[in-house]
Amino acid sequence: REMRLILDYGYSLSKCYRKTAILEFMFLTGLRTGELLALSWEDIHFEASTLTVAHTLNLHGYEANARQLLLPKTAHSYRTISLNERCLEILTHFLTECYDKEFVFVDERGHIYSKNELSHYLKKICFEKLGREDPGRNYHLHMLRHSHISLLVEMNVPIKAIMERVGHSDEKMILQVYSHVTQNMQNDLKAKLNALDF
């Protein structure tokens, strides 16, 4: 799977563990970039294996490290989501190597990563493992959220549950992903049926 290729390569690079772990966390949770960068330790509930989205980081005209928090994008963006064991491992790593008492995803200097830095890093490792961008394929942080939604669709998670997890009030985008993934699943089924030998 492409995501595994990208992450394995990222983890193989020296001094890139934290940035790679952030990308993996975004893929596993479907968080928007601003939501992820705004996460504070009080938003993390280790015993319940959940996190609460209560803020987004203002990235419009402000540096990430200005730490200006805003309310989430919409009322539906306020949410508590479940975390799998890998997410908890990533959070435990950042807690063990903690460089800031308030925010979770900071670098070794205690600075919140900027959206540009994470985006540039994602492009770099995607170029290396997946090739250059083309008109039908752009490498950007939002693709991690899109990939998360696609993953949930493939796992047959109901649309309403997906919407609640990713903080969407409008089914339209979810349904677009749903129809795209469903078509891929139909094509896969057709290929398997064609390959039957009995």
C-alpha atoms as a PDB file:
ATOM      1  CA  ARG A   1       0.000   0.000   0.000  1.00  0.00           C
ATOM      2  CA  GLU A   2       1.268   3.484  -0.885  1.00  0.00           C
ATOM      3  CA  MET A   3       0.860   4.910   2.617  1.00  0.00           C
ATOM      4  CA  ARG A   4       3.012   2.143   4.059  1.00  0.00           C
ATOM      5  CA  LEU A   5       5.725   2.831   1.458  1.00  0.00           C
ATOM      6  CA  ILE A   6       5.738   6.543   2.321  1.00  0.00           C
ATOM      7  CA  LEU A   7       5.827   5.985   6.085  1.00  0.00           C
ATOM      8  CA  ASP A   8       8.494   3.284   5.984  1.00  0.00           C
ATOM      9  CA  TYR A   9      10.688   5.596   3.938  1.00  0.00           C
ATOM     10  CA  GLY A  10      10.046   8.530   6.283  1.00  0.00           C
ATOM     11  CA  TYR A  11      10.897   6.477   9.357  1.00  0.00           C
ATOM     12  CA  SER A  12      14.135   5.357   7.695  1.00  0.00           C
ATOM     13  CA  LEU A  13      15.370   8.960   7.472  1.00  0.00           C
ATOM     14  CA  SER A  14      17.493  10.224  10.321  1.00  0.00           C
ATOM     15  CA  LYS A  15      15.953  12.942  12.499  1.00  0.00           C
ATOM     16  CA  CYS A  16      12.590  12.667  10.720  1.00  0.00           C
ATOM     17  CA  TYR A  17      10.760  10.402  13.170  1.00  0.00           C
ATOM     18  CA  ARG A  18       8.602  13.148  14.654  1.00  0.00           C
ATOM     19  CA  LYS A  19       7.444  14.542  11.312  1.00  0.00           C
ATOM     20  CA  THR A  20       6.749  11.065   9.947  1.00  0.00           C
ATOM     21  CA  ALA A  21       4.806  10.151  13.089  1.00  0.00           C
ATOM     22  CA  ILE A  22       2.682  13.287  12.655  1.00  0.00           C
ATOM     23  CA  LEU A  23       1.827  12.282   9.082  1.00  0.00           C
ATOM     24  CA  GLU A  24       0.907   8.783  10.251  1.00  0.00           C
ATOM     25  CA  PHE A  25      -1.240  10.243  13.043  1.00  0.00           C
ATOM     26  CA  MET A  26      -3.085  12.438  10.537  1.00  0.00           C
ATOM     27  CA  PHE A  27      -3.711   9.411   8.323  1.00  0.00           C
ATOM     28  CA  LEU A  28      -5.008   7.351  11.247  1.00  0.00           C
ATOM     29  CA  THR A  29      -7.296  10.053  12.656  1.00  0.00           C
ATOM     30  CA  GLY A  30      -8.423  12.132   9.672  1.00  0.00           C
ATOM     31  CA  LEU A  31      -7.700  15.348  11.571  1.00  0.00           C
ATOM     32  CA  ARG A  32      -7.423  18.619   9.663  1.00  0.00           C
ATOM     33  CA  THR A  33      -3.944  20.174   9.831  1.00  0.00           C
ATOM     34  CA  GLY A  34      -5.053  23.045  12.073  1.00  0.00           C
ATOM     35  CA  GLU A  35      -6.867  20.650  14.401  1.00  0.00           C
ATOM     36  CA  LEU A  36      -3.806  18.441  14.735  1.00  0.00           C
ATOM     37  CA  LEU A  37      -1.408  21.319  15.393  1.00  0.00           C
ATOM     38  CA  ALA A  38      -3.767  22.778  18.017  1.00  0.00           C
ATOM     39  CA  LEU A  39      -3.874  19.576  20.081  1.00  0.00           C
ATOM     40  CA  SER A  40      -2.831  20.070  23.676  1.00  0.00           C
ATOM     41  CA  TRP A  41      -2.111  17.402  26.251  1.00  0.00           C
ATOM     42  CA  GLU A  42      -5.397  18.136  27.997  1.00  0.00           C
ATOM     43  CA  ASP A  43      -7.181  17.074  24.789  1.00  0.00           C
ATOM     44  CA  ILE A  44      -5.663  13.579  25.016  1.00  0.00           C
ATOM     45  CA  HIS A  45      -7.372  10.928  27.141  1.00  0.00           C
ATOM     46  CA  PHE A  46      -5.030   7.950  27.356  1.00  0.00           C
ATOM     47  CA  GLU A  47      -7.245   5.800  29.604  1.00  0.00           C
ATOM     48  CA  ALA A  48     -10.259   6.194  27.324  1.00  0.00           C
ATOM     49  CA  SER A  49      -8.117   5.967  24.152  1.00  0.00           C
ATOM     50  CA  THR A  50      -9.715   9.132  22.774  1.00  0.00           C
ATOM     51  CA  LEU A  51      -8.872  12.695  21.878  1.00  0.00           C
ATOM     52  CA  THR A  52     -11.102  15.750  21.815  1.00  0.00           C
ATOM     53  CA  VAL A  53     -11.003  18.307  19.001  1.00  0.00           C
ATOM     54  CA  ALA A  54     -11.752  21.621  20.708  1.00  0.00           C
ATOM     55  CA  HIS A  55      -9.615  24.096  18.728  1.00  0.00           C
ATOM     56  CA  THR A  56      -7.879  24.719  15.452  1.00  0.00           C
ATOM     57  CA  LEU A  57      -4.619  26.608  15.025  1.00  0.00           C
ATOM     58  CA  ASN A  58      -4.912  29.901  13.159  1.00  0.00           C
ATOM     59  CA  LEU A  59      -2.611  29.431  10.163  1.00  0.00           C
ATOM     60  CA  HIS A  60      -3.915  32.401   8.172  1.00  0.00           C
ATOM     61  CA  GLY A  61      -1.438  35.218   8.502  1.00  0.00           C
ATOM     62  CA  TYR A  62       0.046  33.753  11.677  1.00  0.00           C
ATOM     63  CA  GLU A  63       3.046  31.533  12.237  1.00  0.00           C
ATOM     64  CA  ALA A  64       2.183  28.230  13.892  1.00  0.00           C
ATOM     65  CA  ASN A  65       4.338  29.145  16.862  1.00  0.00           C
ATOM     66  CA  ALA A  66       2.254  32.268  17.482  1.00  0.00           C
ATOM     67  CA  ARG A  67      -0.103  29.678  18.986  1.00  0.00           C
ATOM     68  CA  GLN A  68      -3.279  31.517  18.200  1.00  0.00           C
ATOM     69  CA  LEU A  69      -6.139  29.113  18.764  1.00  0.00           C
ATOM     70  CA  LEU A  70      -9.543  29.434  17.142  1.00  0.00           C
ATOM     71  CA  LEU A  71     -12.785  27.572  17.610  1.00  0.00           C
ATOM     72  CA  PRO A  72     -13.109  24.587  15.256  1.00  0.00           C
ATOM     73  CA  LYS A  73     -14.278  25.120  11.680  1.00  0.00           C
ATOM     74  CA  THR A  74     -17.952  24.292  12.378  1.00  0.00           C
ATOM     75  CA  ALA A  75     -20.110  23.107  15.271  1.00  0.00           C
ATOM     76  CA  HIS A  76     -19.726  19.570  13.900  1.00  0.00           C
ATOM     77  CA  SER A  77     -15.956  19.931  14.130  1.00  0.00           C
ATOM     78  CA  TYR A  78     -16.181  19.729  17.935  1.00  0.00           C
ATOM     79  CA  ARG A  79     -15.815  16.021  18.512  1.00  0.00           C
ATOM     80  CA  THR A  80     -14.201  13.232  20.483  1.00  0.00           C
ATOM     81  CA  ILE A  81     -12.681  10.432  18.445  1.00  0.00           C
ATOM     82  CA  SER A  82     -11.357   7.012  19.333  1.00  0.00           C
ATOM     83  CA  LEU A  83      -7.679   6.196  18.945  1.00  0.00           C
ATOM     84  CA  ASN A  84      -6.152   2.880  17.980  1.00  0.00           C
ATOM     85  CA  GLU A  85      -3.065   1.405  19.624  1.00  0.00           C
ATOM     86  CA  ARG A  86      -0.694   2.887  17.043  1.00  0.00           C
ATOM     87  CA  CYS A  87      -2.040   6.402  17.716  1.00  0.00           C
ATOM     88  CA  LEU A  88      -1.465   5.845  21.433  1.00  0.00           C
ATOM     89  CA  GLU A  89       2.101   4.679  20.705  1.00  0.00           C
ATOM     90  CA  ILE A  90       2.769   7.874  18.743  1.00  0.00           C
ATOM     91  CA  LEU A  91       1.325  10.037  21.517  1.00  0.00           C
ATOM     92  CA  THR A  92       3.345   8.148  24.122  1.00  0.00           C
ATOM     93  CA  HIS A  93       6.505   8.846  22.120  1.00  0.00           C
ATOM     94  CA  PHE A  94       5.751  12.582  22.062  1.00  0.00           C
ATOM     95  CA  LEU A  95       4.945  12.471  25.776  1.00  0.00           C
ATOM     96  CA  THR A  96       8.176  10.624  26.569  1.00  0.00           C
ATOM     97  CA  GLU A  97      10.197  13.051  24.463  1.00  0.00           C
ATOM     98  CA  CYS A  98       8.161  16.053  25.561  1.00  0.00           C
ATOM     99  CA  TYR A  99       9.527  19.476  24.621  1.00  0.00           C
ATOM    100  CA  ASP A 100       6.440  21.509  25.488  1.00  0.00           C
ATOM    101  CA  LYS A 101       4.086  21.213  28.473  1.00  0.00           C
ATOM    102  CA  GLU A 102       1.029  22.402  26.554  1.00  0.00           C
ATOM    103  CA  PHE A 103       1.084  21.379  22.880  1.00  0.00           C
ATOM    104  CA  VAL A 104       1.522  17.806  21.656  1.00  0.00           C
ATOM    105  CA  PHE A 105       3.080  18.047  18.210  1.00  0.00           C
ATOM    106  CA  VAL A 106       6.174  20.174  18.611  1.00  0.00           C
ATOM    107  CA  ASP A 107       9.754  19.804  17.382  1.00  0.00           C
ATOM    108  CA  GLU A 108      12.856  19.294  19.507  1.00  0.00           C
ATOM    109  CA  ARG A 109      12.979  23.053  20.178  1.00  0.00           C
ATOM    110  CA  GLY A 110       9.430  23.062  21.522  1.00  0.00           C
ATOM    111  CA  HIS A 111       8.106  24.856  18.431  1.00  0.00           C
ATOM    112  CA  ILE A 112       4.836  23.844  16.798  1.00  0.00           C
ATOM    113  CA  TYR A 113       5.483  22.525  13.307  1.00  0.00           C
ATOM    114  CA  SER A 114       4.323  24.860  10.569  1.00  0.00           C
ATOM    115  CA  LYS A 115       1.896  23.644   7.934  1.00  0.00           C
ATOM    116  CA  ASN A 116       4.467  24.515   5.243  1.00  0.00           C
ATOM    117  CA  GLU A 117       7.193  22.453   6.902  1.00  0.00           C
ATOM    118  CA  LEU A 118       4.962  19.379   7.175  1.00  0.00           C
ATOM    119  CA  SER A 119       3.635  19.868   3.642  1.00  0.00           C
ATOM    120  CA  HIS A 120       7.150  20.205   2.205  1.00  0.00           C
ATOM    121  CA  TYR A 121       8.236  17.065   4.059  1.00  0.00           C
ATOM    122  CA  LEU A 122       5.244  15.076   2.777  1.00  0.00           C
ATOM    123  CA  LYS A 123       5.960  16.156  -0.803  1.00  0.00           C
ATOM    124  CA  LYS A 124       9.614  15.180  -0.392  1.00  0.00           C
ATOM    125  CA  ILE A 125       8.910  11.615   0.716  1.00  0.00           C
ATOM    126  CA  CYS A 126       6.054  11.185  -1.782  1.00  0.00           C
ATOM    127  CA  PHE A 127       8.305  12.321  -4.654  1.00  0.00           C
ATOM    128  CA  GLU A 128      10.876   9.768  -3.527  1.00  0.00           C
ATOM    129  CA  LYS A 129       8.504   6.794  -3.280  1.00  0.00           C
ATOM    130  CA  LEU A 130       5.589   7.634  -5.605  1.00  0.00           C
ATOM    131  CA  GLY A 131       7.185   9.819  -8.269  1.00  0.00           C
ATOM    132  CA  ARG A 132       6.502  13.393  -9.314  1.00  0.00           C
ATOM    133  CA  GLU A 133       3.148  15.110  -9.121  1.00  0.00           C
ATOM    134  CA  ASP A 134       0.942  15.323 -12.195  1.00  0.00           C
ATOM    135  CA  PRO A 135      -2.396  17.051 -12.978  1.00  0.00           C
ATOM    136  CA  GLY A 136      -4.355  14.151 -11.503  1.00  0.00           C
ATOM    137  CA  ARG A 137      -2.184  13.687  -8.462  1.00  0.00           C
ATOM    138  CA  ASN A 138      -1.074  16.311  -5.947  1.00  0.00           C
ATOM    139  CA  TYR A 139       0.708  15.628  -2.702  1.00  0.00           C
ATOM    140  CA  HIS A 140      -0.735  17.737   0.090  1.00  0.00           C
ATOM    141  CA  LEU A 141      -1.581  17.276   3.764  1.00  0.00           C
ATOM    142  CA  HIS A 142      -5.306  17.112   3.071  1.00  0.00           C
ATOM    143  CA  MET A 143      -4.747  13.889   1.124  1.00  0.00           C
ATOM    144  CA  LEU A 144      -4.056  12.176   4.470  1.00  0.00           C
ATOM    145  CA  ARG A 145      -7.558  13.109   5.638  1.00  0.00           C
ATOM    146  CA  HIS A 146      -8.976  11.963   2.300  1.00  0.00           C
ATOM    147  CA  SER A 147      -7.068   8.684   2.604  1.00  0.00           C
ATOM    148  CA  HIS A 148      -8.435   8.185   6.120  1.00  0.00           C
ATOM    149  CA  ILE A 149     -11.996   8.608   4.861  1.00  0.00           C
ATOM    150  CA  SER A 150     -11.297   6.189   1.988  1.00  0.00           C
ATOM    151  CA  LEU A 151      -9.941   3.663   4.483  1.00  0.00           C
ATOM    152  CA  LEU A 152     -13.101   3.917   6.610  1.00  0.00           C
ATOM    153  CA  VAL A 153     -15.275   3.455   3.523  1.00  0.00           C
ATOM    154  CA  GLU A 154     -13.295   0.346   2.556  1.00  0.00           C
ATOM    155  CA  MET A 155     -13.865  -0.955   6.104  1.00  0.00           C
ATOM    156  CA  ASN A 156     -17.630  -0.535   5.552  1.00  0.00           C
ATOM    157  CA  VAL A 157     -17.975   2.074   8.297  1.00  0.00           C
ATOM    158  CA  PRO A 158     -21.420   3.758   7.968  1.00  0.00           C
ATOM    159  CA  ILE A 159     -21.392   7.234   6.391  1.00  0.00           C
ATOM    160  CA  LYS A 160     -22.893   8.836   9.518  1.00  0.00           C
ATOM    161  CA  ALA A 161     -20.091   7.403  11.683  1.00  0.00           C
ATOM    162  CA  ILE A 162     -17.473   8.649   9.215  1.00  0.00           C
ATOM    163  CA  MET A 163     -19.003  12.129   9.219  1.00  0.00           C
ATOM    164  CA  GLU A 164     -18.964  12.239  13.020  1.00  0.00           C
ATOM    165  CA  ARG A 165     -15.348  11.073  13.155  1.00  0.00           C
ATOM    166  CA  VAL A 166     -14.008  13.623  10.685  1.00  0.00           C
ATOM    167  CA  GLY A 167     -16.276  16.490  11.786  1.00  0.00           C
ATOM    168  CA  HIS A 168     -18.306  16.828   8.591  1.00  0.00           C
ATOM    169  CA  SER A 169     -21.871  18.071   8.463  1.00  0.00           C
ATOM    170  CA  ASP A 170     -22.215  17.665   4.706  1.00  0.00           C
ATOM    171  CA  GLU A 171     -22.471  14.187   3.224  1.00  0.00           C
ATOM    172  CA  LYS A 172     -21.476  15.442  -0.217  1.00  0.00           C
ATOM    173  CA  MET A 173     -17.700  15.073   0.133  1.00  0.00           C
ATOM    174  CA  ILE A 174     -18.011  11.739   1.955  1.00  0.00           C
ATOM    175  CA  LEU A 175     -20.316  10.437  -0.770  1.00  0.00           C
ATOM    176  CA  GLN A 176     -17.837  11.500  -3.466  1.00  0.00           C
ATOM    177  CA  VAL A 177     -15.120   9.486  -1.730  1.00  0.00           C
ATOM    178  CA  TYR A 178     -17.615   6.685  -1.146  1.00  0.00           C
ATOM    179  CA  SER A 179     -18.571   6.403  -4.834  1.00  0.00           C
ATOM    180  CA  HIS A 180     -14.894   6.514  -5.875  1.00  0.00           C
ATOM    181  CA  VAL A 181     -13.880   3.770  -3.431  1.00  0.00           C
ATOM    182  CA  THR A 182     -16.974   1.707  -4.172  1.00  0.00           C
ATOM    183  CA  GLN A 183     -16.134   1.783  -7.896  1.00  0.00           C
ATOM    184  CA  ASN A 184     -12.603   0.619  -7.102  1.00  0.00           C
ATOM    185  CA  MET A 185     -14.048  -2.214  -4.989  1.00  0.00           C
ATOM    186  CA  GLN A 186     -16.393  -3.195  -7.848  1.00  0.00           C
ATOM    187  CA  ASN A 187     -13.478  -3.240 -10.284  1.00  0.00           C
ATOM    188  CA  ASP A 188     -11.463  -5.347  -7.861  1.00  0.00           C
ATOM    189  CA  LEU A 189     -14.363  -7.775  -7.463  1.00  0.00           C
ATOM    190  CA  LYS A 190     -14.748  -8.014 -11.250  1.00  0.00           C
ATOM    191  CA  ALA A 191     -11.030  -8.781 -11.658  1.00  0.00           C
ATOM    192  CA  LYS A 192     -11.234 -11.499  -8.994  1.00  0.00           C
ATOM    193  CA  LEU A 193     -14.285 -13.036 -10.626  1.00  0.00           C
ATOM    194  CA  ASN A 194     -12.543 -13.012 -14.001  1.00  0.00           C
ATOM    195  CA  ALA A 195      -9.555 -14.757 -12.435  1.00  0.00           C
ATOM    196  CA  LEU A 196     -11.663 -17.593 -11.032  1.00  0.00           C
ATOM    197  CA  ASP A 197     -10.400 -20.969 -12.166  1.00  0.00           C
ATOM    198  CA  PHE A 198     -12.548 -23.965 -11.373  1.00  0.00           C
END
